[in-house]
Every structure is written in structure tokens, then in C-alpha cells.
Amino acid sequence: MERALAFKLAGIGVLAAMLMVSLLSIGRLVTERQARRDAVIQDIARSSSGEQQLTGPILILPYDKTVREWRVNDAADRHLEEHVVAGQLYFLPEAFRLEGEVRTERRARGIYEARLYHASLHIRAEFAVPAHAGVPVSELAAYRFGQPFIALGVTDIRGIESPLMATLNDAPVQLLPGTGTVRLPGGLHANVASLPEGAAHLQLVLDLPLLGTSELHIVPAGRQTQIDLKSNWPHPSFTGDFLPVQRTVDASGFTARWATSFFSTNLEEVLRRCADGDEASCGAFAAHPLGVSFLDPVDQYLKTDRAIKYALLFITLTFAGFFLFDVLKRLPVHPIQYGLVGAALALFYLLLLSLSEHVGFDAAYLLSSAACVGLIAFYVSHVLQSPARGLGFGCGLAVLYACLFGLLAADDYALLMGSLLLFALLTAVMVITRNVDWSKVGARQTSDA
């Protein structure tokens, strides 16, 4: 290849590299705006209620245990000492059933929005307490039991709305603030009158209206747990350690059902070790919830960031189109003209980011692409000295933007569609230039100069 053509290609490469540097700055701006949006969401959560997690309910029986130990000071001083140890016995529900309807709403602060939810939860928990609370008869004399109660942990107690209604064995019971145990930092509890010496059966029914932000998590505390949720949110992301066994998602919202047992959760063993003083097990008890996220899984910032990743392809194809006109039609294009068209391509992403914060991603994409295609088509029609060529160039660019939108929308097939698009474009270039004698192109460039 002759020197003039090599210099032109080198200049085009330098321009493309400069444009990519500017696009990196736009990418950093996307990250900055996303971080600002997340900060606003956290600020709204601080002033209302944050992410919520329900832990329990758990039946708790406080006790004082008299422990006798031999104390030896020396060979002649050996005596029996008594001291009292305070503790709690924990009982998880035999059956735990939760039914809930979750309604979402938007809270805006400036141009940023947070998604809050109002959950109307109906909880039914059945407890089977063994005789003497499971304490061996031979050790009963050492125990003095206190007031039993049922505790329900709620991460952010500000989200507990009213009215609260509950029954215990079909009798109304008063719900009190706090959980009465350090194992559940925040929540509510209901006192149990007493437990008989024999085996006991308790049934707690609770209606809990709960306000939260972004995510709702539930610890499947029952020996058999079934959770049914429905919501008007059409883009749920199911999170946690257990996925729904049944789910339906459509434009009107979703319904989902979870079902677990102690065989899959192992919570009974974890709680037993916690009661024996294993602090690590106490932390693990609430560490394996199931839940749902009410955040948009692919927001405008993520889509814009993904679009920027295809910027090099757009710049390369546009410059290649100019170069083909230069080679095939002998219409010389100045490097400054390459740069102006490349700048318009780069500004598309800045327009996309700024508009998407106000009108949504789809509308912003349509407006930004239409503006850039129209501007480039108008400019190219004068550069190539033909309105028809400018219109054809603009139509080709519009097809590329349409393909890019399809790639962003089809997340599961993005790689396949992108590969097919690149192969189709390479095929088109090879077919168009199949008769070009590249060894003569450089000579022609030199003679034209």
C-alpha cells in the first residue's frame, strides 16, 4: 500500500482512538450519575423505611437455671457453689404460612426515583411445644421459667404500619414493640399467658402491614413453610437462597409461591446451636432468606453503559463507509470530516444518558438516534456531493441503531445477535470490495494528491 493511503488510514485510526477516549469520559459520567441515583434511593429509605426482612416468628421461653459446681481452692478447701444462669429456649413453628399482597409506588426526589412497597401480610404460625418445654424431668428442679412470648423480627421497625391485629389460639392478643431477645434486634412480640406442663399447641395469626424500599426478604422459619406473594410489579427479581416453586410474571405483575422444609433450611439445628451459646450459629439463623427485589433489573444507566460498549463498532463502521466511498467513488473525505461525524456519533451517548433520566430509556433512544442520524445524513449529503448518497448513508446508520436497540433489549441473545450482525457486515464489505485492486488504490491516491 502506498504512503498516502497509509497516512490516511493512520489518521483515521488516531481519530477513532481520540473518540474512544471521549466515550470513556461519558462512561465515567454514567457511573457517577448511577451512584448519585443510588445515594438518593438510600436517602429516601432513611426518611421512610429501608429494605425489610422478616425473621420468625419464634416462640421464646426465658429461664433461670441453678447450676451447682464444685470449687477447689486447695487440697483442704473443696466446696459446692451454686450460681444462676439466665437463658432462653427457642421453638420454631411446626407450620409457617405467609400470604401477602405487595403494592409498589414511586417516590421522586428531583429527577431520581425510589420504589417503595406496601405489603399486606397475613401470617399463620403453629407451634408444638413438648412437655416441660423439652427439659428432661431429672433437670426440671434446676429451672425456673419466665413469661413465654412469640417474637417476630423486622429489619426496619419504622415500616410497621397500623392497624396490627393478631390472635393466639383464636383469642385476641396484644402486640408489643421490641422482640425481647438479642437474637432479633428489631420487631415485635406477643406475650403467651403460660405453657402447660404437658405438650402444648399454639397458633398465632397475625396481619402485618409493612412499608419497605426495594427488597422484601423472609426467613423460612417453619418446619414446613409456604409463602405466597402477589404484586403489581412486573419486573421481579427473585433473590435469596430459595427460588419460587411456582411463579407467574406478566405485564400486570407477578404471583410466586415458595415451599421449604427443615431438611432444606437446617434452621432447627442452627437455632439449637445458637441456644447452646454458639454465636456464629445465631448470626447464620437469619442469613438464608428468600425474597424478591422490586428494582428495575435493567435500568437506563445499565442500558446506556451497555450501549457505549458498542461505540467502537459504530465508529469503525461509519469510518469504513466513508473510506469505501473514497475508494470506490473517488470522493475524497478529509480527516476533519471524519472527526465531525465521529463527534456526532459520540454525542449520541451523551444525549441518550441525559434524556433517559427525564423521558425513559426507550424514548431517549428514539430521540437521540433520530437527531444523530438526521444530522449525519444532512452533513454527509454535502460531503459526498449527493443527497441520495447522504440519505442512503443515513438509512444504513438508522439500521445500525435499530440493531443496537435490539441487542440491548434481547439480553439473553445479545451475544448471538451481535455475532450475526458482525458477520453480516463483514460479508457486505467483502462483497462490495471483491473487485477492488488494493495495490492500485494507493497509487491512485498518490496521483490524486
Protein backbone atom coordinates (compact mmCIF):
# COMPACT_ATOMS: atom_id res chain seq x y z
CA MET A 1 0.00 0.00 0.00
CA GLU A 2 1.33 3.44 -0.93
CA ARG A 3 2.41 6.00 1.66
CA ALA A 4 -0.52 8.43 1.14
CA LEU A 5 -3.12 5.74 1.79
CA ALA A 6 -1.18 4.52 4.81
CA PHE A 7 -1.09 8.05 6.26
CA LYS A 8 -4.85 8.43 5.76
CA LEU A 9 -5.56 5.13 7.47
CA ALA A 10 -3.27 6.09 10.33
CA GLY A 11 -5.05 9.41 10.71
CA ILE A 12 -8.42 7.68 10.77
CA GLY A 13 -7.12 5.33 13.48
CA VAL A 14 -5.91 8.26 15.60
CA LEU A 15 -9.31 9.94 15.28
CA ALA A 16 -11.06 6.73 16.33
CA ALA A 17 -8.76 6.43 19.38
CA MET A 18 -9.49 10.05 20.39
CA LEU A 19 -13.22 9.41 20.13
CA MET A 20 -12.92 6.31 22.31
CA VAL A 21 -11.17 8.39 24.97
CA SER A 22 -14.11 10.81 24.97
CA LEU A 23 -16.50 7.87 25.23
CA LEU A 24 -14.61 6.63 28.29
CA SER A 25 -15.39 10.00 29.90
CA ILE A 26 -19.07 9.53 29.09
CA GLY A 27 -18.86 6.05 30.62
CA ARG A 28 -17.48 7.53 33.84
CA LEU A 29 -20.33 10.04 33.79
CA VAL A 30 -22.81 7.14 33.59
CA THR A 31 -21.23 5.59 36.69
CA GLU A 32 -21.31 8.92 38.50
CA ARG A 33 -25.00 9.51 37.74
CA GLN A 34 -25.84 5.97 38.79
CA ALA A 35 -24.04 6.45 42.11
CA ARG A 36 -25.94 9.69 42.66
CA ARG A 37 -29.22 7.90 41.95
CA ASP A 38 -28.32 5.16 44.46
CA ALA A 39 -27.50 7.81 47.08
CA VAL A 40 -30.92 9.41 46.58
CA ILE A 41 -32.60 5.99 46.99
CA GLN A 42 -30.72 5.44 50.25
CA ASP A 43 -31.70 8.92 51.42
CA ILE A 44 -35.38 8.23 50.70
CA ALA A 45 -35.08 4.90 52.54
CA ARG A 46 -33.57 6.67 55.56
CA SER A 47 -36.52 9.05 55.72
CA SER A 48 -39.19 6.35 55.25
CA SER A 49 -38.22 2.68 55.59
CA GLY A 50 -35.43 0.57 54.13
CA GLU A 51 -35.23 -2.97 52.86
CA GLN A 52 -37.24 -5.33 55.04
CA GLN A 53 -36.56 -8.84 56.29
CA LEU A 54 -38.94 -10.87 58.42
CA THR A 55 -37.33 -13.39 60.79
CA GLY A 56 -39.56 -15.77 62.68
CA PRO A 57 -41.95 -15.95 64.37
CA ILE A 58 -40.14 -17.73 67.19
CA LEU A 59 -41.61 -18.94 70.50
CA ILE A 60 -39.20 -17.94 73.26
CA LEU A 61 -39.25 -19.23 76.83
CA PRO A 62 -36.91 -17.40 79.25
CA TYR A 63 -35.47 -19.33 82.17
CA ASP A 64 -33.14 -19.09 85.12
CA LYS A 65 -31.14 -22.26 85.76
CA THR A 66 -29.42 -23.04 89.03
CA VAL A 67 -26.03 -24.60 88.36
CA ARG A 68 -24.06 -26.36 91.10
CA GLU A 69 -20.30 -26.67 90.64
CA TRP A 70 -17.51 -27.92 92.88
CA ARG A 71 -14.87 -25.29 93.53
CA VAL A 72 -11.43 -26.40 94.72
CA ASN A 73 -9.09 -23.78 96.17
CA ASP A 74 -6.55 -26.23 97.60
CA ALA A 75 -6.41 -29.79 98.81
CA ALA A 76 -8.14 -28.89 102.06
CA ASP A 77 -10.73 -26.47 100.64
CA ARG A 78 -13.29 -28.14 98.39
CA HIS A 79 -16.91 -26.93 98.45
CA LEU A 80 -20.04 -26.83 96.33
CA GLU A 81 -21.09 -23.49 94.87
CA GLU A 82 -24.34 -22.50 93.26
CA HIS A 83 -24.96 -19.78 90.69
CA VAL A 84 -27.85 -18.87 88.42
CA VAL A 85 -27.53 -18.81 84.63
CA ALA A 86 -30.14 -16.92 82.60
CA GLY A 87 -31.06 -18.13 79.14
CA GLN A 88 -33.85 -18.67 76.64
CA LEU A 89 -35.35 -21.71 74.93
CA TYR A 90 -36.36 -21.27 71.29
CA PHE A 91 -39.10 -23.07 69.38
CA LEU A 92 -39.68 -22.65 65.65
CA PRO A 93 -43.13 -23.16 64.11
CA GLU A 94 -44.18 -26.60 63.00
CA ALA A 95 -46.00 -24.88 60.13
CA PHE A 96 -45.41 -21.36 58.87
CA ARG A 97 -47.72 -19.88 56.25
CA LEU A 98 -47.47 -16.35 54.85
CA GLU A 99 -49.75 -14.80 52.27
CA GLY A 100 -49.08 -11.30 51.06
CA GLU A 101 -50.08 -8.69 48.53
CA VAL A 102 -47.44 -6.09 47.70
CA ARG A 103 -48.30 -2.77 46.09
CA THR A 104 -45.43 -0.64 44.79
CA GLU A 105 -45.23 3.12 44.44
CA ARG A 106 -42.65 5.62 43.28
CA ARG A 107 -41.13 8.34 45.42
CA ALA A 108 -39.24 11.01 43.48
CA ARG A 109 -36.60 13.44 44.61
CA GLY A 110 -35.60 15.70 41.76
CA ILE A 111 -35.10 13.57 38.65
CA TYR A 112 -34.34 10.42 40.65
CA GLU A 113 -36.89 7.89 41.85
CA ALA A 114 -37.02 5.19 44.52
CA ARG A 115 -39.51 2.33 44.55
CA LEU A 116 -41.33 1.77 47.83
CA TYR A 117 -43.77 -1.02 48.56
CA HIS A 118 -46.72 -1.53 50.87
CA ALA A 119 -47.03 -5.19 51.84
CA SER A 120 -50.20 -6.55 53.44
CA LEU A 121 -49.00 -9.78 55.06
CA HIS A 122 -51.16 -12.46 56.66
CA ILE A 123 -49.06 -14.78 58.84
CA ARG A 124 -50.12 -18.08 60.40
CA ALA A 125 -47.69 -19.97 62.63
CA GLU A 126 -48.39 -23.18 64.55
CA PHE A 127 -46.13 -24.22 67.42
CA ALA A 128 -45.92 -27.67 69.01
CA VAL A 129 -44.23 -27.36 72.42
CA PRO A 130 -43.07 -30.64 74.03
CA ALA A 131 -43.88 -31.50 77.62
CA HIS A 132 -41.88 -29.46 80.15
CA ALA A 133 -40.56 -27.39 77.21
CA GLY A 134 -38.29 -30.27 76.25
CA VAL A 135 -36.33 -30.17 79.53
CA PRO A 136 -35.62 -33.64 80.99
CA VAL A 137 -37.67 -34.38 84.09
CA SER A 138 -34.49 -35.07 86.05
CA GLU A 139 -33.35 -31.48 85.46
CA LEU A 140 -36.64 -29.64 85.96
CA ALA A 141 -35.87 -28.74 89.57
CA ALA A 142 -32.99 -26.55 88.44
CA TYR A 143 -35.16 -24.44 86.09
CA ARG A 144 -37.41 -21.50 86.85
CA PHE A 145 -39.31 -20.44 83.74
CA GLY A 146 -40.38 -16.90 82.97
CA GLN A 147 -43.04 -15.33 80.77
CA PRO A 148 -43.11 -17.06 77.34
CA PHE A 149 -43.65 -14.89 74.27
CA ILE A 150 -43.64 -15.10 70.47
CA ALA A 151 -41.23 -12.73 68.68
CA LEU A 152 -41.13 -11.62 65.05
CA GLY A 153 -38.03 -9.86 63.74
CA VAL A 154 -38.48 -6.90 61.38
CA THR A 155 -35.36 -5.23 59.98
CA ASP A 156 -36.68 -1.65 59.95
CA ILE A 157 -39.41 -1.22 62.57
CA ARG A 158 -40.35 2.19 61.13
CA GLY A 159 -42.05 0.28 58.33
CA ILE A 160 -44.54 -1.44 60.68
CA GLU A 161 -47.82 0.24 59.83
CA SER A 162 -51.12 0.07 61.65
CA PRO A 163 -53.54 -1.34 62.50
CA LEU A 164 -51.93 -4.54 63.72
CA MET A 165 -54.24 -7.45 64.51
CA ALA A 166 -53.31 -10.80 65.98
CA THR A 167 -54.89 -13.79 67.68
CA LEU A 168 -53.35 -16.59 69.73
CA ASN A 169 -55.38 -19.79 69.75
CA ASP A 170 -58.30 -17.74 68.35
CA ALA A 171 -58.17 -15.23 71.22
CA PRO A 172 -57.09 -11.61 70.58
CA VAL A 173 -53.58 -10.89 71.76
CA GLN A 174 -51.77 -7.59 72.18
CA LEU A 175 -48.68 -6.95 70.07
CA LEU A 176 -45.88 -5.09 71.81
CA PRO A 177 -42.83 -3.28 70.39
CA GLY A 178 -39.46 -4.97 70.58
CA THR A 179 -38.62 -8.65 70.33
CA GLY A 180 -37.48 -9.32 73.89
CA THR A 181 -34.35 -11.12 72.66
CA VAL A 182 -30.95 -10.00 71.44
CA ARG A 183 -31.18 -12.60 68.67
CA LEU A 184 -33.71 -10.39 66.84
CA PRO A 185 -32.59 -6.75 67.07
CA GLY A 186 -35.89 -5.17 65.99
CA GLY A 187 -39.50 -6.18 65.61
CA LEU A 188 -42.49 -7.01 67.82
CA HIS A 189 -43.69 -9.68 70.22
CA ALA A 190 -46.82 -11.09 71.83
CA ASN A 191 -46.89 -12.49 75.36
CA VAL A 192 -48.18 -16.01 75.98
CA ALA A 193 -50.19 -16.42 79.17
CA SER A 194 -48.48 -19.67 80.21
CA LEU A 195 -47.39 -23.05 78.97
CA PRO A 196 -48.86 -26.22 80.48
CA GLU A 197 -46.59 -28.88 81.94
CA GLY A 198 -47.70 -31.26 79.22
CA ALA A 199 -47.37 -30.78 75.49
CA ALA A 200 -48.92 -27.57 74.14
CA HIS A 201 -50.15 -26.36 70.78
CA LEU A 202 -50.18 -22.66 69.91
CA GLN A 203 -51.49 -20.98 66.78
CA LEU A 204 -50.55 -17.37 66.06
CA VAL A 205 -52.43 -15.47 63.34
CA LEU A 206 -51.07 -12.03 62.52
CA ASP A 207 -51.96 -9.34 59.98
CA LEU A 208 -48.88 -7.21 59.37
CA PRO A 209 -48.96 -4.12 57.12
CA LEU A 210 -45.35 -3.33 56.23
CA LEU A 211 -43.67 -0.47 54.36
CA GLY A 212 -40.29 -1.03 52.74
CA THR A 213 -37.93 0.02 49.96
CA SER A 214 -36.63 -2.00 47.03
CA GLU A 215 -36.47 -5.51 48.55
CA LEU A 216 -38.51 -7.82 50.78
CA HIS A 217 -36.88 -10.88 52.40
CA ILE A 218 -38.41 -13.60 54.57
CA VAL A 219 -36.62 -16.27 56.60
CA PRO A 220 -38.48 -19.60 56.10
CA ALA A 221 -38.64 -20.39 59.80
CA GLY A 222 -41.17 -23.22 59.83
CA ARG A 223 -40.62 -26.94 59.83
CA GLN A 224 -42.91 -26.68 56.83
CA THR A 225 -43.02 -23.25 55.22
CA GLN A 226 -45.25 -21.96 52.43
CA ILE A 227 -45.10 -18.36 51.24
CA ASP A 228 -47.41 -16.86 48.61
CA LEU A 229 -46.83 -13.34 47.32
CA LYS A 230 -48.52 -11.35 44.59
CA SER A 231 -47.73 -7.84 43.41
CA ASN A 232 -48.39 -5.28 40.69
CA TRP A 233 -44.64 -5.09 39.95
CA PRO A 234 -44.00 -6.66 36.50
CA HIS A 235 -40.19 -6.99 36.76
CA PRO A 236 -39.47 -9.05 39.89
CA SER A 237 -36.04 -10.40 40.64
CA PHE A 238 -36.27 -13.38 42.98
CA THR A 239 -33.38 -13.33 45.43
CA GLY A 240 -32.07 -15.27 48.39
CA ASP A 241 -31.25 -18.93 48.90
CA PHE A 242 -34.56 -20.35 47.67
CA LEU A 243 -36.35 -19.74 44.37
CA PRO A 244 -40.13 -19.97 43.98
CA VAL A 245 -41.52 -23.40 43.19
CA GLN A 246 -44.27 -21.70 41.18
CA ARG A 247 -44.35 -18.25 39.63
CA THR A 248 -46.24 -16.24 37.04
CA VAL A 249 -44.96 -12.94 35.67
CA ASP A 250 -46.76 -10.72 33.16
CA ALA A 251 -47.41 -7.05 32.44
CA SER A 252 -49.90 -6.77 35.32
CA GLY A 253 -47.49 -8.09 37.98
CA PHE A 254 -46.41 -11.41 39.44
CA THR A 255 -47.51 -14.21 41.72
CA ALA A 256 -45.00 -16.55 43.36
CA ARG A 257 -45.02 -19.46 45.81
CA TRP A 258 -42.13 -20.76 47.90
CA ALA A 259 -42.16 -24.04 49.82
CA THR A 260 -39.35 -25.23 52.13
CA SER A 261 -38.81 -27.65 54.98
CA PHE A 262 -36.27 -28.12 57.77
CA PHE A 263 -34.48 -30.61 55.52
CA SER A 264 -33.56 -27.80 53.12
CA THR A 265 -33.08 -24.94 55.61
CA ASN A 266 -31.49 -26.71 58.64
CA LEU A 267 -32.74 -23.80 60.76
CA GLU A 268 -33.76 -26.01 63.68
CA GLU A 269 -30.18 -27.24 64.14
CA VAL A 270 -28.82 -23.72 63.67
CA LEU A 271 -31.16 -22.34 66.35
CA ARG A 272 -30.31 -25.20 68.74
CA ARG A 273 -26.60 -24.40 68.47
CA CYS A 274 -27.44 -20.72 68.97
CA ALA A 275 -29.31 -21.56 72.20
CA ASP A 276 -26.22 -23.52 73.35
CA GLY A 277 -24.12 -20.37 73.04
CA ASP A 278 -22.70 -20.67 69.53
CA GLU A 279 -22.73 -17.02 68.42
CA ALA A 280 -21.78 -17.90 64.83
CA SER A 281 -24.94 -20.00 64.55
CA CYS A 282 -27.04 -17.10 65.87
CA GLY A 283 -25.79 -14.94 63.02
CA ALA A 284 -26.39 -17.70 60.47
CA PHE A 285 -30.03 -18.11 61.51
CA ALA A 286 -31.17 -15.03 59.58
CA ALA A 287 -28.55 -15.32 56.83
CA HIS A 288 -30.50 -17.58 54.46
CA PRO A 289 -33.72 -15.80 53.49
CA LEU A 290 -35.82 -15.90 50.36
CA GLY A 291 -37.27 -12.82 48.78
CA VAL A 292 -37.99 -10.55 45.87
CA SER A 293 -36.48 -7.32 44.58
CA PHE A 294 -38.66 -4.51 43.27
CA LEU A 295 -35.84 -2.76 41.41
CA ASP A 296 -35.77 -2.46 37.65
CA PRO A 297 -33.24 -5.20 36.72
CA VAL A 298 -32.02 -3.27 33.65
CA ASP A 299 -32.33 0.49 34.22
CA GLN A 300 -31.36 3.33 31.89
CA TYR A 301 -27.84 3.57 33.30
CA LEU A 302 -27.08 -0.10 32.70
CA LYS A 303 -28.55 0.08 29.19
CA THR A 304 -26.55 3.22 28.40
CA ASP A 305 -23.37 1.61 29.68
CA ARG A 306 -24.04 -1.46 27.52
CA ALA A 307 -24.69 0.77 24.51
CA ILE A 308 -21.32 2.50 24.97
CA LYS A 309 -19.61 -0.87 24.67
CA TYR A 310 -20.77 -0.97 21.03
CA ALA A 311 -19.46 2.53 20.29
CA LEU A 312 -16.22 1.29 18.70
CA LEU A 313 -18.27 -0.83 16.29
CA PHE A 314 -20.34 2.21 15.24
CA ILE A 315 -17.30 4.42 14.75
CA THR A 316 -15.43 1.73 12.81
CA LEU A 317 -18.37 1.01 10.50
CA THR A 318 -19.06 4.70 9.86
CA PHE A 319 -15.44 5.44 9.06
CA ALA A 320 -15.33 2.32 6.89
CA GLY A 321 -18.33 3.62 4.94
CA PHE A 322 -16.56 6.90 4.31
CA PHE A 323 -13.43 5.06 3.28
CA LEU A 324 -15.35 2.90 0.81
CA PHE A 325 -16.82 6.00 -0.84
CA ASP A 326 -13.29 7.38 -1.01
CA VAL A 327 -12.00 4.17 -2.63
CA LEU A 328 -14.90 3.13 -4.84
CA LYS A 329 -16.35 6.51 -5.87
CA ARG A 330 -13.15 8.50 -5.69
CA LEU A 331 -14.78 11.06 -3.39
CA PRO A 332 -12.01 12.23 -1.06
CA VAL A 333 -13.09 12.72 2.58
CA HIS A 334 -10.93 14.99 4.75
CA PRO A 335 -9.88 13.79 8.20
CA ILE A 336 -11.73 16.75 9.75
CA GLN A 337 -14.93 15.47 8.14
CA TYR A 338 -14.23 12.04 9.65
CA GLY A 339 -13.79 13.73 13.04
CA LEU A 340 -17.03 15.75 12.86
CA VAL A 341 -19.08 12.69 12.01
CA GLY A 342 -17.35 10.75 14.79
CA ALA A 343 -18.14 13.55 17.26
CA ALA A 344 -21.82 13.30 16.32
CA LEU A 345 -21.68 9.56 16.99
CA ALA A 346 -20.12 10.17 20.41
CA LEU A 347 -22.67 12.84 21.35
CA PHE A 348 -25.42 10.28 20.77
CA TYR A 349 -24.44 8.57 24.03
CA LEU A 350 -24.38 11.81 25.99
CA LEU A 351 -27.84 12.69 24.64
CA LEU A 352 -29.03 9.20 25.49
CA LEU A 353 -27.84 9.46 29.10
CA SER A 354 -29.27 12.92 29.75
CA LEU A 355 -32.63 12.33 28.06
CA SER A 356 -33.17 8.91 29.66
CA GLU A 357 -33.20 10.50 33.12
CA HIS A 358 -36.26 12.51 32.10
CA VAL A 359 -38.27 10.59 29.48
CA GLY A 360 -37.18 6.97 29.95
CA PHE A 361 -34.66 4.92 28.00
CA ASP A 362 -36.81 3.90 25.01
CA ALA A 363 -37.99 7.44 24.22
CA ALA A 364 -34.49 8.82 24.83
CA TYR A 365 -33.01 6.26 22.45
CA LEU A 366 -35.51 7.18 19.72
CA LEU A 367 -34.93 10.91 20.10
CA SER A 368 -31.13 10.66 20.33
CA SER A 369 -30.74 8.28 17.38
CA ALA A 370 -33.15 10.31 15.21
CA ALA A 371 -31.23 13.51 15.97
CA CYS A 372 -27.82 11.96 15.21
CA VAL A 373 -28.99 10.14 12.06
CA GLY A 374 -30.62 13.31 10.73
CA LEU A 375 -27.56 15.45 11.43
CA ILE A 376 -25.10 12.96 9.92
CA ALA A 377 -27.29 12.34 6.86
CA PHE A 378 -27.55 16.09 6.21
CA TYR A 379 -23.81 16.60 6.59
CA VAL A 380 -22.80 13.54 4.55
CA SER A 381 -25.07 14.55 1.65
CA HIS A 382 -22.84 17.63 1.21
CA VAL A 383 -19.58 15.81 1.89
CA LEU A 384 -20.39 13.17 -0.74
CA GLN A 385 -21.95 15.75 -3.08
CA SER A 386 -25.26 13.88 -3.39
CA PRO A 387 -28.49 13.98 -1.34
CA ALA A 388 -29.17 10.39 -2.41
CA ARG A 389 -25.84 9.23 -1.00
CA GLY A 390 -26.46 11.13 2.22
CA LEU A 391 -29.92 9.57 2.52
CA GLY A 392 -28.51 6.11 1.87
CA PHE A 393 -25.78 6.66 4.45
CA GLY A 394 -28.37 7.84 6.98
CA CYS A 395 -30.60 4.83 6.31
CA GLY A 396 -27.67 2.49 6.88
CA LEU A 397 -26.85 4.25 10.15
CA ALA A 398 -30.51 4.05 11.22
CA VAL A 399 -30.44 0.30 10.62
CA LEU A 400 -27.35 0.05 12.84
CA TYR A 401 -29.10 1.97 15.64
CA ALA A 402 -32.13 -0.30 15.30
CA CYS A 403 -29.87 -3.35 15.54
CA LEU A 404 -28.19 -1.90 18.62
CA PHE A 405 -31.58 -1.35 20.28
CA GLY A 406 -32.43 -4.97 19.55
CA LEU A 407 -29.16 -6.07 21.15
CA LEU A 408 -29.90 -4.05 24.29
CA ALA A 409 -33.46 -5.39 24.54
CA ALA A 410 -32.58 -9.06 23.96
CA ASP A 411 -30.25 -9.66 26.89
CA ASP A 412 -30.25 -13.46 26.56
CA TYR A 413 -29.48 -13.36 22.83
CA ALA A 414 -27.20 -10.30 22.74
CA LEU A 415 -24.03 -12.27 22.01
CA LEU A 416 -25.67 -14.32 19.25
CA MET A 417 -27.28 -11.28 17.62
CA GLY A 418 -24.06 -9.29 17.86
CA SER A 419 -22.05 -12.09 16.27
CA LEU A 420 -24.53 -12.45 13.41
CA LEU A 421 -24.55 -8.68 12.85
CA LEU A 422 -20.76 -8.50 12.65
CA PHE A 423 -20.65 -11.45 10.26
CA ALA A 424 -23.31 -9.87 8.04
CA LEU A 425 -21.44 -6.55 7.93
CA LEU A 426 -18.14 -8.23 7.15
CA THR A 427 -19.85 -10.20 4.37
CA ALA A 428 -21.30 -6.99 2.91
CA VAL A 429 -17.90 -5.25 2.91
CA MET A 430 -16.19 -8.23 1.29
CA VAL A 431 -18.86 -8.48 -1.41
CA ILE A 432 -18.74 -4.75 -2.17
CA THR A 433 -14.91 -4.66 -2.37
CA ARG A 434 -14.44 -8.04 -4.07
CA ASN A 435 -13.26 -6.43 -7.34
CA VAL A 436 -11.11 -3.68 -5.80
CA ASP A 437 -7.44 -3.86 -6.69
CA TRP A 438 -5.95 -2.59 -3.45
CA SER A 439 -2.46 -2.39 -4.95
CA LYS A 440 -3.72 0.27 -7.38
CA VAL A 441 -5.70 2.18 -4.76
CA GLY A 442 -2.58 3.52 -3.15
CA ALA A 443 -1.16 4.60 -6.49
CA ARG A 444 -4.41 6.35 -7.36
CA GLN A 445 -4.36 8.13 -4.02
CA THR A 446 -0.83 9.35 -4.74
CA SER A 447 -1.71 10.59 -8.24
CA ASP A 448 -4.80 12.36 -6.93
CA ALA A 449 -2.66 14.10 -4.36
